[in-house]
Amino acid sequence: MDRKIVLSERLNTLSRTYFFDVKESTKGNPYLVVTESYKQKDAEGFTRNSLLLFEDDAPKFLELLTKVVGEMAGSTTGQTVE
């Protein structure tokens, strides 16, 4: 069953598209669905992966995300993590 979408944003990059959808649960609580979509190599179609983030977990999630993104930005190695 589809949930009510409260807010929806999209980020297009060279190789992927990210969707940020705030939805409302059946109890009226908001939650975030982050979905990445990318074209499959050597195949037709797209791959989609989603992460659900609930309101109670958002502050700690944001704190840790900010920390690791800060570390990525401060990295001088130029290496990427796969």
PDB file of N, CA and C in Angstrom:
ATOM      1  N   MET A   1       0.846  -1.185   0.000  1.00  0.00           N
ATOM      2  CA  MET A   1       0.000   0.000   0.000  1.00  0.00           C
ATOM      3  C   MET A   1       0.886   1.242   0.000  1.00  0.00           C
ATOM      4  N   ASP A   2       0.598   2.183  -0.904  1.00  0.00           N
ATOM      5  CA  ASP A   2       1.365   3.412  -0.961  1.00  0.00           C
ATOM      6  C   ASP A   2       0.983   4.325   0.191  1.00  0.00           C
ATOM      7  N   ARG A   3       1.992   4.961   0.730  1.00  0.00           N
ATOM      8  CA  ARG A   3       1.785   5.892   1.823  1.00  0.00           C
ATOM      9  C   ARG A   3       1.720   7.308   1.256  1.00  0.00           C
ATOM     10  N   LYS A   4       1.109   8.202   2.002  1.00  0.00           N
ATOM     11  CA  LYS A   4       0.998   9.597   1.598  1.00  0.00           C
ATOM     12  C   LYS A   4       2.383  10.221   1.547  1.00  0.00           C
ATOM     13  N   ILE A   5       2.728  10.838   0.417  1.00  0.00           N
ATOM     14  CA  ILE A   5       4.010  11.528   0.275  1.00  0.00           C
ATOM     15  C   ILE A   5       3.817  12.967   0.737  1.00  0.00           C
ATOM     16  N   VAL A   6       4.616  13.364   1.734  1.00  0.00           N
ATOM     17  CA  VAL A   6       4.532  14.704   2.302  1.00  0.00           C
ATOM     18  C   VAL A   6       5.463  15.655   1.558  1.00  0.00           C
ATOM     19  N   LEU A   7       6.634  15.144   1.173  1.00  0.00           N
ATOM     20  CA  LEU A   7       7.656  15.948   0.495  1.00  0.00           C
ATOM     21  C   LEU A   7       8.456  15.026  -0.405  1.00  0.00           C
ATOM     22  N   SER A   8       8.820  15.500  -1.584  1.00  0.00           N
ATOM     23  CA  SER A   8       9.602  14.687  -2.510  1.00  0.00           C
ATOM     24  C   SER A   8      10.617  15.575  -3.221  1.00  0.00           C
ATOM     25  N   GLU A   9      11.872  15.133  -3.205  1.00  0.00           N
ATOM     26  CA  GLU A   9      12.953  15.849  -3.876  1.00  0.00           C
ATOM     27  C   GLU A   9      13.772  14.835  -4.674  1.00  0.00           C
ATOM     28  N   ARG A  10      14.430  15.306  -5.744  1.00  0.00           N
ATOM     29  CA  ARG A  10      15.241  14.423  -6.570  1.00  0.00           C
ATOM     30  C   ARG A  10      16.590  15.070  -6.824  1.00  0.00           C
ATOM     31  N   LEU A  11      17.644  14.260  -6.771  1.00  0.00           N
ATOM     32  CA  LEU A  11      19.007  14.698  -7.051  1.00  0.00           C
ATOM     33  C   LEU A  11      19.541  13.867  -8.208  1.00  0.00           C
ATOM     34  N   ASN A  12      19.831  14.516  -9.334  1.00  0.00           N
ATOM     35  CA  ASN A  12      20.406  13.837 -10.488  1.00  0.00           C
ATOM     36  C   ASN A  12      21.915  14.055 -10.500  1.00  0.00           C
ATOM     37  N   THR A  13      22.667  12.968 -10.652  1.00  0.00           N
ATOM     38  CA  THR A  13      24.116  13.047 -10.813  1.00  0.00           C
ATOM     39  C   THR A  13      24.459  12.419 -12.166  1.00  0.00           C
ATOM     40  N   LEU A  14      25.737  12.321 -12.478  1.00  0.00           N
ATOM     41  CA  LEU A  14      26.126  11.755 -13.763  1.00  0.00           C
ATOM     42  C   LEU A  14      25.720  10.291 -13.909  1.00  0.00           C
ATOM     43  N   SER A  15      25.811   9.528 -12.831  1.00  0.00           N
ATOM     44  CA  SER A  15      25.572   8.099 -12.956  1.00  0.00           C
ATOM     45  C   SER A  15      24.376   7.581 -12.154  1.00  0.00           C
ATOM     46  N   ARG A  16      23.837   8.404 -11.269  1.00  0.00           N
ATOM     47  CA  ARG A  16      22.754   7.936 -10.404  1.00  0.00           C
ATOM     48  C   ARG A  16      21.722   9.039 -10.193  1.00  0.00           C
ATOM     49  N   THR A  17      20.544   8.609  -9.806  1.00  0.00           N
ATOM     50  CA  THR A  17      19.503   9.532  -9.377  1.00  0.00           C
ATOM     51  C   THR A  17      19.102   9.132  -7.969  1.00  0.00           C
ATOM     52  N   TYR A  18      18.988  10.114  -7.085  1.00  0.00           N
ATOM     53  CA  TYR A  18      18.582   9.882  -5.705  1.00  0.00           C
ATOM     54  C   TYR A  18      17.231  10.545  -5.485  1.00  0.00           C
ATOM     55  N   PHE A  19      16.340   9.814  -4.857  1.00  0.00           N
ATOM     56  CA  PHE A  19      15.017  10.330  -4.514  1.00  0.00           C
ATOM     57  C   PHE A  19      14.915  10.405  -2.991  1.00  0.00           C
ATOM     58  N   PHE A  20      14.425  11.531  -2.498  1.00  0.00           N
ATOM     59  CA  PHE A  20      14.217  11.742  -1.064  1.00  0.00           C
ATOM     60  C   PHE A  20      12.724  11.984  -0.864  1.00  0.00           C
ATOM     61  N   ASP A  21      12.039  11.014  -0.303  1.00  0.00           N
ATOM     62  CA  ASP A  21      10.595  11.113  -0.113  1.00  0.00           C
ATOM     63  C   ASP A  21      10.258  11.009   1.366  1.00  0.00           C
ATOM     64  N   VAL A  22       9.606  12.038   1.880  1.00  0.00           N
ATOM     65  CA  VAL A  22       9.078  11.973   3.242  1.00  0.00           C
ATOM     66  C   VAL A  22       7.646  11.485   3.115  1.00  0.00           C
ATOM     67  N   LYS A  23       7.387  10.365   3.768  1.00  0.00           N
ATOM     68  CA  LYS A  23       6.051   9.767   3.717  1.00  0.00           C
ATOM     69  C   LYS A  23       5.443   9.756   5.110  1.00  0.00           C
ATOM     70  N   GLU A  24       4.170   9.465   5.158  1.00  0.00           N
ATOM     71  CA  GLU A  24       3.447   9.411   6.426  1.00  0.00           C
ATOM     72  C   GLU A  24       2.941   7.990   6.648  1.00  0.00           C
ATOM     73  N   SER A  25       3.256   7.442   7.813  1.00  0.00           N
ATOM     74  CA  SER A  25       2.804   6.085   8.143  1.00  0.00           C
ATOM     75  C   SER A  25       1.301   6.077   8.390  1.00  0.00           C
ATOM     76  N   THR A  26       0.764   4.882   8.535  1.00  0.00           N
ATOM     77  CA  THR A  26      -0.675   4.773   8.801  1.00  0.00           C
ATOM     78  C   THR A  26      -1.049   5.414  10.137  1.00  0.00           C
ATOM     79  N   LYS A  27      -0.062   5.528  11.043  1.00  0.00           N
ATOM     80  CA  LYS A  27      -0.297   6.176  12.334  1.00  0.00           C
ATOM     81  C   LYS A  27      -0.037   7.675  12.291  1.00  0.00           C
ATOM     82  N   GLY A  28       0.338   8.181  11.111  1.00  0.00           N
ATOM     83  CA  GLY A  28       0.572   9.619  10.959  1.00  0.00           C
ATOM     84  C   GLY A  28       1.980  10.065  11.248  1.00  0.00           C
ATOM     85  N   ASN A  29       2.912   9.125  11.456  1.00  0.00           N
ATOM     86  CA  ASN A  29       4.302   9.480  11.752  1.00  0.00           C
ATOM     87  C   ASN A  29       5.107   9.606  10.461  1.00  0.00           C
ATOM     88  N   PRO A  30       5.928  10.666  10.349  1.00  0.00           N
ATOM     89  CA  PRO A  30       6.724  10.817   9.132  1.00  0.00           C
ATOM     90  C   PRO A  30       7.952   9.903   9.140  1.00  0.00           C
ATOM     91  N   TYR A  31       8.356   9.486   7.942  1.00  0.00           N
ATOM     92  CA  TYR A  31       9.603   8.744   7.782  1.00  0.00           C
ATOM     93  C   TYR A  31      10.178   9.088   6.411  1.00  0.00           C
ATOM     94  N   LEU A  32      11.472   8.917   6.282  1.00  0.00           N
ATOM     95  CA  LEU A  32      12.184   9.270   5.065  1.00  0.00           C
ATOM     96  C   LEU A  32      12.543   8.008   4.300  1.00  0.00           C
ATOM     97  N   VAL A  33      12.296   8.034   3.001  1.00  0.00           N
ATOM     98  CA  VAL A  33      12.736   6.962   2.118  1.00  0.00           C
ATOM     99  C   VAL A  33      13.741   7.575   1.146  1.00  0.00           C
ATOM    100  N   VAL A  34      14.989   7.094   1.194  1.00  0.00           N
ATOM    101  CA  VAL A  34      16.030   7.530   0.267  1.00  0.00           C
ATOM    102  C   VAL A  34      16.221   6.381  -0.715  1.00  0.00           C
ATOM    103  N   THR A  35      16.043   6.670  -1.993  1.00  0.00           N
ATOM    104  CA  THR A  35      16.165   5.650  -3.024  1.00  0.00           C
ATOM    105  C   THR A  35      17.206   6.086  -4.033  1.00  0.00           C
ATOM    106  N   GLU A  36      18.122   5.164  -4.364  1.00  0.00           N
ATOM    107  CA  GLU A  36      19.069   5.417  -5.447  1.00  0.00           C
ATOM    108  C   GLU A  36      18.638   4.580  -6.633  1.00  0.00           C
ATOM    109  N   SER A  37      18.817   5.121  -7.812  1.00  0.00           N
ATOM    110  CA  SER A  37      18.477   4.417  -9.031  1.00  0.00           C
ATOM    111  C   SER A  37      19.622   4.616 -10.009  1.00  0.00           C
ATOM    112  N   TYR A  38      20.047   3.519 -10.651  1.00  0.00           N
ATOM    113  CA  TYR A  38      21.111   3.639 -11.652  1.00  0.00           C
ATOM    114  C   TYR A  38      20.909   2.591 -12.737  1.00  0.00           C
ATOM    115  N   LYS A  39      21.403   2.925 -13.936  1.00  0.00           N
ATOM    116  CA  LYS A  39      21.274   2.030 -15.074  1.00  0.00           C
ATOM    117  C   LYS A  39      22.203   0.849 -14.888  1.00  0.00           C
ATOM    118  N   GLN A  40      21.686  -0.349 -15.128  1.00  0.00           N
ATOM    119  CA  GLN A  40      22.486  -1.557 -15.013  1.00  0.00           C
ATOM    120  C   GLN A  40      23.498  -1.618 -16.152  1.00  0.00           C
ATOM    121  N   LYS A  41      24.717  -1.992 -15.810  1.00  0.00           N
ATOM    122  CA  LYS A  41      25.746  -2.159 -16.838  1.00  0.00           C
ATOM    123  C   LYS A  41      25.458  -3.445 -17.602  1.00  0.00           C
ATOM    124  N   ASP A  42      25.641  -3.402 -18.899  1.00  0.00           N
ATOM    125  CA  ASP A  42      25.472  -4.571 -19.765  1.00  0.00           C
ATOM    126  C   ASP A  42      24.093  -5.210 -19.669  1.00  0.00           C
ATOM    127  N   ALA A  43      23.090  -4.424 -19.306  1.00  0.00           N
ATOM    128  CA  ALA A  43      21.728  -4.957 -19.228  1.00  0.00           C
ATOM    129  C   ALA A  43      20.742  -3.801 -19.392  1.00  0.00           C
ATOM    130  N   GLU A  44      19.530  -4.170 -19.705  1.00  0.00           N
ATOM    131  CA  GLU A  44      18.491  -3.146 -19.789  1.00  0.00           C
ATOM    132  C   GLU A  44      17.864  -2.952 -18.420  1.00  0.00           C
ATOM    133  N   GLY A  45      17.396  -1.780 -18.181  1.00  0.00           N
ATOM    134  CA  GLY A  45      16.696  -1.521 -16.935  1.00  0.00           C
ATOM    135  C   GLY A  45      17.546  -0.810 -15.903  1.00  0.00           C
ATOM    136  N   PHE A  46      16.940  -0.603 -14.767  1.00  0.00           N
ATOM    137  CA  PHE A  46      17.569   0.142 -13.684  1.00  0.00           C
ATOM    138  C   PHE A  46      17.548  -0.684 -12.410  1.00  0.00           C
ATOM    139  N   THR A  47      18.518  -0.417 -11.559  1.00  0.00           N
ATOM    140  CA  THR A  47      18.553  -1.010 -10.228  1.00  0.00           C
ATOM    141  C   THR A  47      18.143   0.064  -9.240  1.00  0.00           C
ATOM    142  N   ARG A  48      17.301  -0.308  -8.296  1.00  0.00           N
ATOM    143  CA  ARG A  48      16.844   0.628  -7.263  1.00  0.00           C
ATOM    144  C   ARG A  48      17.111   0.029  -5.893  1.00  0.00           C
ATOM    145  N   ASN A  49      17.659   0.850  -5.018  1.00  0.00           N
ATOM    146  CA  ASN A  49      17.903   0.465  -3.632  1.00  0.00           C
ATOM    147  C   ASN A  49      17.316   1.544  -2.743  1.00  0.00           C
ATOM    148  N   SER A  50      16.672   1.131  -1.661  1.00  0.00           N
ATOM    149  CA  SER A  50      16.023   2.102  -0.776  1.00  0.00           C
ATOM    150  C   SER A  50      16.445   1.911   0.665  1.00  0.00           C
ATOM    151  N   LEU A  51      16.436   3.021   1.380  1.00  0.00           N
ATOM    152  CA  LEU A  51      16.708   3.052   2.812  1.00  0.00           C
ATOM    153  C   LEU A  51      15.560   3.801   3.475  1.00  0.00           C
ATOM    154  N   LEU A  52      14.997   3.219   4.519  1.00  0.00           N
ATOM    155  CA  LEU A  52      13.947   3.888   5.286  1.00  0.00           C
ATOM    156  C   LEU A  52      14.548   4.417   6.577  1.00  0.00           C
ATOM    157  N   LEU A  53      14.267   5.661   6.877  1.00  0.00           N
ATOM    158  CA  LEU A  53      14.759   6.296   8.096  1.00  0.00           C
ATOM    159  C   LEU A  53      13.566   6.834   8.876  1.00  0.00           C
ATOM    160  N   PHE A  54      13.417   6.331  10.081  1.00  0.00           N
ATOM    161  CA  PHE A  54      12.278   6.728  10.898  1.00  0.00           C
ATOM    162  C   PHE A  54      12.626   7.929  11.771  1.00  0.00           C
ATOM    163  N   GLU A  55      11.619   8.683  12.111  1.00  0.00           N
ATOM    164  CA  GLU A  55      11.763   9.954  12.823  1.00  0.00           C
ATOM    165  C   GLU A  55      12.598   9.823  14.093  1.00  0.00           C
ATOM    166  N   ASP A  56      12.387   8.765  14.854  1.00  0.00           N
ATOM    167  CA  ASP A  56      13.118   8.586  16.114  1.00  0.00           C
ATOM    168  C   ASP A  56      14.620   8.415  15.897  1.00  0.00           C
ATOM    169  N   ASP A  57      15.005   7.857  14.760  1.00  0.00           N
ATOM    170  CA  ASP A  57      16.411   7.593  14.472  1.00  0.00           C
ATOM    171  C   ASP A  57      17.112   8.745  13.752  1.00  0.00           C
ATOM    172  N   ALA A  58      16.354   9.711  13.258  1.00  0.00           N
ATOM    173  CA  ALA A  58      16.897  10.765  12.409  1.00  0.00           C
ATOM    174  C   ALA A  58      18.005  11.599  13.067  1.00  0.00           C
ATOM    175  N   PRO A  59      17.863  12.067  14.316  1.00  0.00           N
ATOM    176  CA  PRO A  59      18.939  12.896  14.890  1.00  0.00           C
ATOM    177  C   PRO A  59      20.295  12.180  14.968  1.00  0.00           C
ATOM    178  N   LYS A  60      20.312  10.951  15.432  1.00  0.00           N
ATOM    179  CA  LYS A  60      21.572  10.211  15.529  1.00  0.00           C
ATOM    180  C   LYS A  60      22.107   9.859  14.144  1.00  0.00           C
ATOM    181  N   PHE A  61      21.216   9.524  13.228  1.00  0.00           N
ATOM    182  CA  PHE A  61      21.614   9.221  11.858  1.00  0.00           C
ATOM    183  C   PHE A  61      22.279  10.443  11.219  1.00  0.00           C
ATOM    184  N   LEU A  62      21.650  11.615  11.365  1.00  0.00           N
ATOM    185  CA  LEU A  62      22.190  12.849  10.804  1.00  0.00           C
ATOM    186  C   LEU A  62      23.535  13.198  11.427  1.00  0.00           C
ATOM    187  N   GLU A  63      23.658  12.998  12.726  1.00  0.00           N
ATOM    188  CA  GLU A  63      24.921  13.275  13.417  1.00  0.00           C
ATOM    189  C   GLU A  63      26.046  12.417  12.838  1.00  0.00           C
ATOM    190  N   LEU A  64      25.793  11.138  12.686  1.00  0.00           N
ATOM    191  CA  LEU A  64      26.812  10.238  12.159  1.00  0.00           C
ATOM    192  C   LEU A  64      27.072  10.498  10.675  1.00  0.00           C
ATOM    193  N   LEU A  65      26.042  10.775   9.910  1.00  0.00           N
ATOM    194  CA  LEU A  65      26.210  11.084   8.497  1.00  0.00           C
ATOM    195  C   LEU A  65      27.060  12.339   8.314  1.00  0.00           C
ATOM    196  N   THR A  66      26.797  13.352   9.108  1.00  0.00           N
ATOM    197  CA  THR A  66      27.580  14.587   9.048  1.00  0.00           C
ATOM    198  C   THR A  66      29.050  14.305   9.365  1.00  0.00           C
ATOM    199  N   LYS A  67      29.287  13.466  10.348  1.00  0.00           N
ATOM    200  CA  LYS A  67      30.651  13.118  10.736  1.00  0.00           C
ATOM    201  C   LYS A  67      31.386  12.416   9.594  1.00  0.00           C
ATOM    202  N   VAL A  68      30.781  11.392   9.019  1.00  0.00           N
ATOM    203  CA  VAL A  68      31.485  10.633   7.991  1.00  0.00           C
ATOM    204  C   VAL A  68      31.631  11.422   6.690  1.00  0.00           C
ATOM    205  N   VAL A  69      30.661  12.245   6.348  1.00  0.00           N
ATOM    206  CA  VAL A  69      30.796  13.088   5.160  1.00  0.00           C
ATOM    207  C   VAL A  69      31.905  14.116   5.383  1.00  0.00           C
ATOM    208  N   GLY A  70      32.010  14.642   6.604  1.00  0.00           N
ATOM    209  CA  GLY A  70      33.102  15.552   6.938  1.00  0.00           C
ATOM    210  C   GLY A  70      34.455  14.882   6.790  1.00  0.00           C
ATOM    211  N   GLU A  71      34.532  13.629   7.202  1.00  0.00           N
ATOM    212  CA  GLU A  71      35.776  12.866   7.045  1.00  0.00           C
ATOM    213  C   GLU A  71      36.091  12.652   5.572  1.00  0.00           C
ATOM    214  N   MET A  72      35.077  12.360   4.776  1.00  0.00           N
ATOM    215  CA  MET A  72      35.290  12.180   3.335  1.00  0.00           C
ATOM    216  C   MET A  72      35.816  13.460   2.712  1.00  0.00           C
ATOM    217  N   ALA A  73      35.235  14.578   3.076  1.00  0.00           N
ATOM    218  CA  ALA A  73      35.641  15.865   2.529  1.00  0.00           C
ATOM    219  C   ALA A  73      37.051  16.235   2.978  1.00  0.00           C
ATOM    220  N   GLY A  74      37.440  15.801   4.178  1.00  0.00           N
ATOM    221  CA  GLY A  74      38.760  16.124   4.688  1.00  0.00           C
ATOM    222  C   GLY A  74      39.836  15.145   4.261  1.00  0.00           C
ATOM    223  N   SER A  75      39.425  14.080   3.578  1.00  0.00           N
ATOM    224  CA  SER A  75      40.381  13.064   3.132  1.00  0.00           C
ATOM    225  C   SER A  75      41.253  13.614   2.017  1.00  0.00           C
ATOM    226  N   THR A  76      42.556  13.379   2.108  1.00  0.00           N
ATOM    227  CA  THR A  76      43.490  13.840   1.076  1.00  0.00           C
ATOM    228  C   THR A  76      44.018  12.695   0.240  1.00  0.00           C
ATOM    229  N   THR A  77      43.521  11.494   0.483  1.00  0.00           N
ATOM    230  CA  THR A  77      44.037  10.319  -0.234  1.00  0.00           C
ATOM    231  C   THR A  77      43.518  10.258  -1.667  1.00  0.00           C
ATOM    232  N   GLY A  78      42.329  10.795  -1.914  1.00  0.00           N
ATOM    233  CA  GLY A  78      41.763  10.728  -3.233  1.00  0.00           C
ATOM    234  C   GLY A  78      41.208   9.370  -3.587  1.00  0.00           C
ATOM    235  N   GLN A  79      41.220   8.439  -2.630  1.00  0.00           N
ATOM    236  CA  GLN A  79      40.709   7.099  -2.896  1.00  0.00           C
ATOM    237  C   GLN A  79      39.219   7.058  -2.610  1.00  0.00           C
ATOM    238  N   THR A  80      38.549   6.197  -3.354  1.00  0.00           N
ATOM    239  CA  THR A  80      37.119   6.021  -3.117  1.00  0.00           C
ATOM    240  C   THR A  80      36.883   4.674  -2.475  1.00  0.00           C
ATOM    241  N   VAL A  81      35.815   4.612  -1.721  1.00  0.00           N
ATOM    242  CA  VAL A  81      35.442   3.366  -1.043  1.00  0.00           C
ATOM    243  C   VAL A  81      34.321   2.740  -1.846  1.00  0.00           C
ATOM    244  N   GLU A  82      34.447   1.497  -2.189  1.00  0.00           N
ATOM    245  CA  GLU A  82      33.415   0.786  -2.953  1.00  0.00           C
ATOM    246  C   GLU A  82      32.647  -0.115  -2.047  1.00  0.00           C
TER     247      GLU A  82
END
